[in-house]
C-alpha atoms as a PDB file:
ATOM      1  CA  MET A   1      32.335 145.536  77.311  1.00  0.00           C
ATOM      2  CA  ASP A   2      30.782 146.434  80.756  1.00  0.00           C
ATOM      3  CA  MET A   3      33.180 145.743  83.579  1.00  0.00           C
ATOM      4  CA  ASP A   4      31.487 147.706  86.267  1.00  0.00           C
ATOM      5  CA  PHE A   5      31.462 145.724  89.522  1.00  0.00           C
ATOM      6  CA  SER A   6      28.583 147.880  90.969  1.00  0.00           C
ATOM      7  CA  ALA A   7      26.099 145.982  88.653  1.00  0.00           C
ATOM      8  CA  GLY A   8      26.752 142.822  90.671  1.00  0.00           C
ATOM      9  CA  GLU A   9      27.148 144.369  94.089  1.00  0.00           C
ATOM     10  CA  GLU A  10      23.946 143.045  95.717  1.00  0.00           C
ATOM     11  CA  GLN A  11      24.749 139.615  94.452  1.00  0.00           C
ATOM     12  CA  TRP A  12      28.282 139.864  95.921  1.00  0.00           C
ATOM     13  CA  ARG A  13      26.804 140.927  99.288  1.00  0.00           C
ATOM     14  CA  ALA A  14      24.175 138.097  99.257  1.00  0.00           C
ATOM     15  CA  ARG A  15      26.846 135.470  98.774  1.00  0.00           C
ATOM     16  CA  LEU A  16      29.550 136.476 101.315  1.00  0.00           C
ATOM     17  CA  GLY A  17      28.800 133.682 103.715  1.00  0.00           C
ATOM     18  CA  THR A  18      28.572 130.930 101.161  1.00  0.00           C
ATOM     19  CA  LEU A  19      31.041 128.124 100.740  1.00  0.00           C
ATOM     20  CA  ARG A  20      32.800 129.549  97.597  1.00  0.00           C
ATOM     21  CA  GLN A  21      33.286 132.965  99.272  1.00  0.00           C
ATOM     22  CA  VAL A  22      34.460 131.627 102.675  1.00  0.00           C
ATOM     23  CA  VAL A  23      36.977 129.361 100.850  1.00  0.00           C
ATOM     24  CA  ARG A  24      38.285 132.328  98.903  1.00  0.00           C
ATOM     25  CA  GLN A  25      38.828 134.631 101.872  1.00  0.00           C
ATOM     26  CA  GLU A  26      40.181 131.898 104.255  1.00  0.00           C
ATOM     27  CA  VAL A  27      42.768 130.640 101.776  1.00  0.00           C
ATOM     28  CA  VAL A  28      43.841 134.081 100.695  1.00  0.00           C
ATOM     29  CA  SER A  29      44.268 135.036 104.298  1.00  0.00           C
ATOM     30  CA  ARG A  30      46.431 131.961 105.047  1.00  0.00           C
ATOM     31  CA  GLN A  31      48.578 132.664 102.041  1.00  0.00           C
ATOM     32  CA  LEU A  32      49.050 136.172 102.921  1.00  0.00           C
ATOM     33  CA  VAL A  33      50.108 135.660 106.568  1.00  0.00           C
ATOM     34  CA  ALA A  34      53.215 133.776 105.434  1.00  0.00           C
ATOM     35  CA  HIS A  35      54.465 137.036 103.772  1.00  0.00           C
ATOM     36  CA  LEU A  36      53.023 139.574 106.399  1.00  0.00           C
ATOM     37  CA  PRO A  37      53.902 138.663 109.945  1.00  0.00           C
ATOM     38  CA  ASP A  38      52.217 140.523 112.913  1.00  0.00           C
ATOM     39  CA  LEU A  39      55.495 142.599 113.688  1.00  0.00           C
ATOM     40  CA  PRO A  40      56.466 145.109 112.788  1.00  0.00           C
ATOM     41  CA  SER A  41      53.212 146.825 112.204  1.00  0.00           C
ATOM     42  CA  ARG A  42      52.744 147.839 108.594  1.00  0.00           C
ATOM     43  CA  ARG A  43      50.952 150.645 106.775  1.00  0.00           C
ATOM     44  CA  VAL A  44      48.368 148.758 104.618  1.00  0.00           C
ATOM     45  CA  LEU A  45      46.277 149.963 101.695  1.00  0.00           C
ATOM     46  CA  ASP A  46      43.316 147.701 100.679  1.00  0.00           C
ATOM     47  CA  VAL A  47      42.369 148.949  97.153  1.00  0.00           C
ATOM     48  CA  GLY A  48      38.743 147.896  96.540  1.00  0.00           C
ATOM     49  CA  CYS A  49      38.420 146.754 100.168  1.00  0.00           C
ATOM     50  CA  GLY A  50      34.591 146.139  99.872  1.00  0.00           C
ATOM     51  CA  GLN A  51      33.174 144.675 103.200  1.00  0.00           C
ATOM     52  CA  GLY A  52      36.718 144.548 104.542  1.00  0.00           C
ATOM     53  CA  THR A  53      37.274 140.954 105.200  1.00  0.00           C
ATOM     54  CA  GLN A  54      40.994 140.921 104.670  1.00  0.00           C
ATOM     55  CA  ALA A  55      41.534 144.456 105.865  1.00  0.00           C
ATOM     56  CA  LEU A  56      39.833 143.739 109.156  1.00  0.00           C
ATOM     57  CA  ARG A  57      41.914 140.670 109.812  1.00  0.00           C
ATOM     58  CA  LEU A  58      45.030 142.721 109.290  1.00  0.00           C
ATOM     59  CA  ALA A  59      43.864 145.453 111.681  1.00  0.00           C
ATOM     60  CA  ARG A  60      43.199 142.806 114.384  1.00  0.00           C
ATOM     61  CA  ARG A  61      46.826 141.696 113.909  1.00  0.00           C
ATOM     62  CA  GLY A  62      48.073 145.185 114.636  1.00  0.00           C
ATOM     63  CA  HIS A  63      48.532 146.675 111.114  1.00  0.00           C
ATOM     64  CA  LEU A  64      47.472 150.158 110.247  1.00  0.00           C
ATOM     65  CA  VAL A  65      44.911 149.909 107.418  1.00  0.00           C
ATOM     66  CA  THR A  66      43.391 152.214 104.844  1.00  0.00           C
ATOM     67  CA  GLY A  67      40.376 150.910 103.002  1.00  0.00           C
ATOM     68  CA  LEU A  68      39.492 152.442  99.654  1.00  0.00           C
ATOM     69  CA  ASP A  69      36.219 151.525  97.879  1.00  0.00           C
ATOM     70  CA  ALA A  70      33.737 153.361  95.662  1.00  0.00           C
ATOM     71  CA  SER A  71      30.709 151.687  97.189  1.00  0.00           C
ATOM     72  CA  ALA A  72      29.098 153.449 100.028  1.00  0.00           C
ATOM     73  CA  ARG A  73      27.049 150.436 100.857  1.00  0.00           C
ATOM     74  CA  LEU A  74      30.020 148.180 101.188  1.00  0.00           C
ATOM     75  CA  LEU A  75      31.885 150.640 103.229  1.00  0.00           C
ATOM     76  CA  ASP A  76      28.839 150.737 105.619  1.00  0.00           C
ATOM     77  CA  ASP A  77      29.102 147.079 105.854  1.00  0.00           C
ATOM     78  CA  PHE A  78      32.726 147.450 106.848  1.00  0.00           C
ATOM     79  CA  ARG A  79      31.822 150.081 109.424  1.00  0.00           C
ATOM     80  CA  ALA A  80      29.245 147.808 110.863  1.00  0.00           C
ATOM     81  CA  SER A  81      31.884 145.040 111.302  1.00  0.00           C
ATOM     82  CA  LEU A  82      34.229 147.655 112.962  1.00  0.00           C
ATOM     83  CA  ASP A  83      31.465 148.565 115.501  1.00  0.00           C
ATOM     84  CA  GLU A  84      31.618 145.022 116.810  1.00  0.00           C
ATOM     85  CA  GLU A  85      35.514 145.092 117.282  1.00  0.00           C
ATOM     86  CA  PRO A  86      37.462 146.378 120.254  1.00  0.00           C
ATOM     87  CA  VAL A  87      38.205 150.124 120.087  1.00  0.00           C
ATOM     88  CA  GLU A  88      41.933 149.637 119.484  1.00  0.00           C
ATOM     89  CA  VAL A  89      41.111 147.662 116.225  1.00  0.00           C
ATOM     90  CA  GLY A  90      38.793 150.389 114.931  1.00  0.00           C
ATOM     91  CA  ASP A  91      41.379 153.002 115.687  1.00  0.00           C
ATOM     92  CA  ARG A  92      43.778 151.302 113.193  1.00  0.00           C
ATOM     93  CA  VAL A  93      41.321 151.611 110.271  1.00  0.00           C
ATOM     94  CA  ARG A  94      40.711 154.516 108.091  1.00  0.00           C
ATOM     95  CA  LEU A  95      37.993 154.193 105.387  1.00  0.00           C
ATOM     96  CA  ILE A  96      37.844 156.281 102.185  1.00  0.00           C
ATOM     97  CA  GLN A  97      35.117 156.346  99.640  1.00  0.00           C
ATOM     98  CA  GLY A  98      36.676 157.071  96.231  1.00  0.00           C
ATOM     99  CA  ASP A  99      37.272 155.714  92.668  1.00  0.00           C
ATOM    100  CA  VAL A 100      40.089 153.315  92.522  1.00  0.00           C
ATOM    101  CA  GLU A 101      41.008 154.806  89.228  1.00  0.00           C
ATOM    102  CA  GLN A 102      42.071 158.014  91.099  1.00  0.00           C
ATOM    103  CA  LEU A 103      44.342 156.051  93.378  1.00  0.00           C
ATOM    104  CA  ALA A 104      47.654 157.695  92.393  1.00  0.00           C
ATOM    105  CA  GLY A 105      46.316 161.116  93.183  1.00  0.00           C
ATOM    106  CA  MET A 106      44.941 160.286  96.571  1.00  0.00           C
ATOM    107  CA  PHE A 107      48.254 159.324  98.303  1.00  0.00           C
ATOM    108  CA  ALA A 108      51.868 160.500  98.361  1.00  0.00           C
ATOM    109  CA  PRO A 109      54.394 158.144  96.674  1.00  0.00           C
ATOM    110  CA  SER A 110      55.626 155.368  98.879  1.00  0.00           C
ATOM    111  CA  SER A 111      52.832 155.928 101.407  1.00  0.00           C
ATOM    112  CA  PHE A 112      52.308 152.137 102.172  1.00  0.00           C
ATOM    113  CA  ASP A 113      54.258 149.127 103.076  1.00  0.00           C
ATOM    114  CA  VAL A 114      51.644 146.611 101.793  1.00  0.00           C
ATOM    115  CA  VAL A 115      49.004 147.021  99.053  1.00  0.00           C
ATOM    116  CA  LEU A 116      46.137 144.611  98.726  1.00  0.00           C
ATOM    117  CA  CYS A 117      44.417 144.677  95.260  1.00  0.00           C
ATOM    118  CA  GLN A 118      42.260 141.520  95.433  1.00  0.00           C
ATOM    119  CA  GLY A 119      39.495 140.862  92.955  1.00  0.00           C
ATOM    120  CA  VAL A 120      39.860 144.316  91.474  1.00  0.00           C
ATOM    121  CA  LEU A 121      41.935 144.068  88.270  1.00  0.00           C
ATOM    122  CA  MET A 122      39.325 141.795  86.585  1.00  0.00           C
ATOM    123  CA  TYR A 123      36.996 144.856  86.337  1.00  0.00           C
ATOM    124  CA  PHE A 124      39.597 146.948  84.349  1.00  0.00           C
ATOM    125  CA  PRO A 125      39.839 146.385  80.540  1.00  0.00           C
ATOM    126  CA  ASP A 126      43.392 147.739  80.782  1.00  0.00           C
ATOM    127  CA  PRO A 127      44.989 146.891  84.257  1.00  0.00           C
ATOM    128  CA  GLY A 128      48.172 148.986  83.342  1.00  0.00           C
ATOM    129  CA  PRO A 129      47.172 152.272  84.874  1.00  0.00           C
ATOM    130  CA  LEU A 130      46.183 150.661  88.140  1.00  0.00           C
ATOM    131  CA  LEU A 131      49.402 148.646  88.389  1.00  0.00           C
ATOM    132  CA  ASP A 132      51.237 151.934  87.738  1.00  0.00           C
ATOM    133  CA  ALA A 133      49.329 153.512  90.705  1.00  0.00           C
ATOM    134  CA  VAL A 134      49.825 150.593  93.006  1.00  0.00           C
ATOM    135  CA  GLY A 135      53.660 150.732  92.248  1.00  0.00           C
ATOM    136  CA  GLN A 136      53.620 154.441  92.944  1.00  0.00           C
ATOM    137  CA  VAL A 137      52.132 154.313  96.335  1.00  0.00           C
ATOM    138  CA  LEU A 138      54.027 151.211  97.510  1.00  0.00           C
ATOM    139  CA  ALA A 139      57.236 151.761  99.407  1.00  0.00           C
ATOM    140  CA  PRO A 140      60.503 150.182  98.310  1.00  0.00           C
ATOM    141  CA  GLY A 141      60.633 146.857  99.865  1.00  0.00           C
ATOM    142  CA  GLY A 142      56.918 146.741 100.297  1.00  0.00           C
ATOM    143  CA  ILE A 143      54.679 143.923  99.080  1.00  0.00           C
ATOM    144  CA  VAL A 144      51.515 143.792  96.963  1.00  0.00           C
ATOM    145  CA  SER A 145      48.971 141.134  97.074  1.00  0.00           C
ATOM    146  CA  LEU A 146      47.134 140.621  93.790  1.00  0.00           C
ATOM    147  CA  LEU A 147      44.166 138.417  93.387  1.00  0.00           C
ATOM    148  CA  VAL A 148      43.006 137.859  89.835  1.00  0.00           C
ATOM    149  CA  ARG A 149      40.962 135.456  87.573  1.00  0.00           C
ATOM    150  CA  ASN A 150      43.318 132.813  86.208  1.00  0.00           C
ATOM    151  CA  GLY A 151      43.310 133.360  82.344  1.00  0.00           C
ATOM    152  CA  ASP A 152      45.248 130.129  81.934  1.00  0.00           C
ATOM    153  CA  ALA A 153      42.379 128.063  83.283  1.00  0.00           C
ATOM    154  CA  LEU A 154      39.348 130.126  82.172  1.00  0.00           C
ATOM    155  CA  ALA A 155      37.776 127.167  80.540  1.00  0.00           C
ATOM    156  CA  MET A 156      37.982 124.835  83.576  1.00  0.00           C
ATOM    157  CA  ARG A 157      34.851 125.931  85.348  1.00  0.00           C
ATOM    158  CA  PRO A 158      32.422 125.904  82.416  1.00  0.00           C
ATOM    159  CA  GLY A 159      33.998 122.708  81.098  1.00  0.00           C
ATOM    160  CA  LEU A 160      33.414 120.933  84.400  1.00  0.00           C
ATOM    161  CA  LEU A 161      29.817 122.234  84.524  1.00  0.00           C
ATOM    162  CA  GLY A 162      29.234 121.110  80.837  1.00  0.00           C
ATOM    163  CA  ASP A 163      28.775 124.754  79.575  1.00  0.00           C
ATOM    164  CA  TRP A 164      30.352 124.023  76.135  1.00  0.00           C
ATOM    165  CA  GLY A 165      29.600 127.447  74.580  1.00  0.00           C
ATOM    166  CA  SER A 166      31.468 129.203  77.409  1.00  0.00           C
ATOM    167  CA  VAL A 167      34.244 126.726  77.084  1.00  0.00           C
ATOM    168  CA  GLU A 168      34.812 127.711  73.487  1.00  0.00           C
ATOM    169  CA  ARG A 169      34.529 131.377  74.260  1.00  0.00           C
ATOM    170  CA  ALA A 170      37.156 130.966  77.102  1.00  0.00           C
ATOM    171  CA  PHE A 171      39.637 129.462  74.731  1.00  0.00           C
ATOM    172  CA  GLU A 172      39.229 132.366  72.373  1.00  0.00           C
ATOM    173  CA  GLY A 173      39.636 135.377  74.696  1.00  0.00           C
ATOM    174  CA  GLU A 174      40.207 136.592  78.294  1.00  0.00           C
ATOM    175  CA  SER A 175      36.706 137.877  79.072  1.00  0.00           C
ATOM    176  CA  TYR A 176      33.990 136.036  80.848  1.00  0.00           C
ATOM    177  CA  LEU A 177      30.599 136.530  82.650  1.00  0.00           C
ATOM    178  CA  ASN A 178      31.120 135.932  86.303  1.00  0.00           C
ATOM    179  CA  ARG A 179      28.890 134.557  88.856  1.00  0.00           C
ATOM    180  CA  ILE A 180      27.505 137.908  90.069  1.00  0.00           C
ATOM    181  CA  GLY A 181      26.426 138.657  86.462  1.00  0.00           C
ATOM    182  CA  VAL A 182      29.316 141.171  85.469  1.00  0.00           C
ATOM    183  CA  HIS A 183      31.580 140.838  82.418  1.00  0.00           C
ATOM    184  CA  ALA A 184      35.023 140.637  83.657  1.00  0.00           C
ATOM    185  CA  ARG A 185      38.524 139.959  82.475  1.00  0.00           C
ATOM    186  CA  ALA A 186      41.215 137.223  83.296  1.00  0.00           C
ATOM    187  CA  ASP A 187      44.917 137.587  83.664  1.00  0.00           C
ATOM    188  CA  ARG A 188      47.661 135.045  82.661  1.00  0.00           C
ATOM    189  CA  LEU A 189      50.428 134.390  85.252  1.00  0.00           C
ATOM    190  CA  GLU A 190      53.212 134.964  82.691  1.00  0.00           C
ATOM    191  CA  ASP A 191      51.774 138.217  81.390  1.00  0.00           C
ATOM    192  CA  LEU A 192      50.876 139.605  84.816  1.00  0.00           C
ATOM    193  CA  THR A 193      54.358 138.649  86.180  1.00  0.00           C
ATOM    194  CA  ALA A 194      55.962 140.594  83.291  1.00  0.00           C
ATOM    195  CA  ALA A 195      53.792 143.514  83.795  1.00  0.00           C
ATOM    196  CA  LEU A 196      54.784 143.819  87.466  1.00  0.00           C
ATOM    197  CA  ALA A 197      58.423 143.526  86.582  1.00  0.00           C
ATOM    198  CA  GLU A 198      58.090 146.381  84.218  1.00  0.00           C
ATOM    199  CA  ARG A 199      56.992 148.404  87.296  1.00  0.00           C
ATOM    200  CA  GLU A 200      59.821 147.340  89.479  1.00  0.00           C
ATOM    201  CA  MET A 201      57.685 144.700  91.295  1.00  0.00           C
ATOM    202  CA  CYS A 202      58.999 141.195  91.299  1.00  0.00           C
ATOM    203  CA  VAL A 203      56.805 138.217  92.090  1.00  0.00           C
ATOM    204  CA  ARG A 204      58.139 136.295  95.102  1.00  0.00           C
ATOM    205  CA  GLN A 205      55.385 133.632  95.237  1.00  0.00           C
ATOM    206  CA  TRP A 206      52.161 132.805  93.695  1.00  0.00           C
ATOM    207  CA  TYR A 207      49.291 130.574  94.710  1.00  0.00           C
ATOM    208  CA  GLY A 208      46.109 129.098  93.318  1.00  0.00           C
ATOM    209  CA  VAL A 209      42.723 129.824  95.071  1.00  0.00           C
ATOM    210  CA  ARG A 210      39.656 127.586  94.773  1.00  0.00           C
ATOM    211  CA  VAL A 211      41.112 124.570  93.031  1.00  0.00           C
ATOM    212  CA  PHE A 212      38.353 122.075  94.089  1.00  0.00           C
ATOM    213  CA  THR A 213      35.402 124.189  95.055  1.00  0.00           C
ATOM    214  CA  ASP A 214      34.966 126.584  92.246  1.00  0.00           C
ATOM    215  CA  THR A 215      32.134 124.666  90.667  1.00  0.00           C
ATOM    216  CA  VAL A 216      29.880 124.426  93.744  1.00  0.00           C
ATOM    217  CA  ALA A 217      26.620 126.171  93.572  1.00  0.00           C
ATOM    218  CA  SER A 218      26.839 129.933  94.140  1.00  0.00           C
ATOM    219  CA  ASP A 219      24.543 129.688  97.181  1.00  0.00           C
ATOM    220  CA  ALA A 220      26.047 126.551  98.650  1.00  0.00           C
ATOM    221  CA  ALA A 221      25.965 126.862 102.427  1.00  0.00           C
ATOM    222  CA  LEU A 222      28.861 126.044 104.733  1.00  0.00           C
ATOM    223  CA  PRO A 223      29.294 122.387 105.735  1.00  0.00           C
ATOM    224  CA  ASP A 224      29.855 121.208 109.264  1.00  0.00           C
ATOM    225  CA  ALA A 225      33.060 122.600 110.901  1.00  0.00           C
ATOM    226  CA  GLU A 226      35.013 119.404 110.437  1.00  0.00           C
ATOM    227  CA  THR A 227      34.180 119.130 106.719  1.00  0.00           C
ATOM    228  CA  LEU A 228      35.023 122.828 106.280  1.00  0.00           C
ATOM    229  CA  ASP A 229      38.376 122.404 107.980  1.00  0.00           C
ATOM    230  CA  ALA A 230      39.200 119.410 105.651  1.00  0.00           C
ATOM    231  CA  ILE A 231      38.171 121.487 102.532  1.00  0.00           C
ATOM    232  CA  LEU A 232      40.276 124.544 103.632  1.00  0.00           C
ATOM    233  CA  ARG A 233      43.369 122.233 104.335  1.00  0.00           C
ATOM    234  CA  SER A 234      43.005 120.662 100.874  1.00  0.00           C
ATOM    235  CA  GLU A 235      42.461 123.969  99.060  1.00  0.00           C
ATOM    236  CA  GLU A 236      45.396 125.539 100.778  1.00  0.00           C
ATOM    237  CA  ARG A 237      47.759 122.624  99.964  1.00  0.00           C
ATOM    238  CA  ALA A 238      46.628 122.492  96.343  1.00  0.00           C
ATOM    239  CA  GLY A 239      46.980 126.185  96.035  1.00  0.00           C
ATOM    240  CA  ARG A 240      50.807 125.872  96.671  1.00  0.00           C
ATOM    241  CA  THR A 241      51.333 122.699  94.765  1.00  0.00           C
ATOM    242  CA  ASP A 242      51.839 121.964  90.967  1.00  0.00           C
ATOM    243  CA  PRO A 243      50.077 121.090  88.921  1.00  0.00           C
ATOM    244  CA  TYR A 244      46.888 121.957  90.966  1.00  0.00           C
ATOM    245  CA  ARG A 245      47.476 125.580  91.446  1.00  0.00           C
ATOM    246  CA  ARG A 246      47.852 126.195  87.674  1.00  0.00           C
ATOM    247  CA  VAL A 247      44.137 125.224  87.103  1.00  0.00           C
ATOM    248  CA  ALA A 248      42.683 127.103  90.072  1.00  0.00           C
ATOM    249  CA  ALA A 249      40.014 129.621  89.392  1.00  0.00           C
ATOM    250  CA  LEU A 250      41.982 132.465  90.904  1.00  0.00           C
ATOM    251  CA  LEU A 251      45.698 133.370  91.091  1.00  0.00           C
ATOM    252  CA  HIS A 252      47.152 135.046  94.179  1.00  0.00           C
ATOM    253  CA  LEU A 253      50.410 136.837  93.478  1.00  0.00           C
ATOM    254  CA  ILE A 254      52.777 138.203  96.059  1.00  0.00           C
ATOM    255  CA  ALA A 255      55.178 140.776  94.673  1.00  0.00           C
ATOM    256  CA  GLU A 256      57.862 142.940  96.206  1.00  0.00           C
ATOM    257  CA  ARG A 257      58.734 146.437  94.999  1.00  0.00           C
ATOM    258  CA  ARG A 258      62.572 146.662  94.407  1.00  0.00           C
END
């Protein structure tokens, strides 16, 4: 099964300003800020940073950010965004082009206080080695932010869209064809929590992301500011509230290394 994100890279770039993507980025950012205050400044690694949406926000807040991605094109997008920032923000960011699978060999153990790994695990048939590497480079007491496809609700989107063939496949396995045309894999909360615990990383909080807006069209534009604000408030609240968060398209786990 092909799980190579590069096959869908152009589709990803084309949809960055759409409603689904803006909801994802905004809600994740709001969830993360509760666990990562502005002070003290932290050493942050963004694994698979892409165009740098989350990494750039953390750099603006004073954190020292290293962005790692295999895509030269997405890193160029990140650099273009940095060019529009104050010099002091750009000085806090280091970008590295490299294969995420080589993460453990790139950095010394305990090099970072925070590791972001958002929307990456889904492209690995076996997430174990990457979780091992994340645990290795994360300092004791540091936190990891994982954003994954929710395997416990994999049938929700196709069911709500009336795609019954995909519903049956979702019930039978953990793989799916995502909106950028790439075969990917989902994670179940219980299994991922256990996998992190095996690596001395304890889940402190978890959230749902895109509870209500996952079925909107891939190219849906942003609504007016008032409506968007209402959507984000509703999504943020649902993402921390049962039973809504359990059927979200994505899970956002915050774990701490013992």
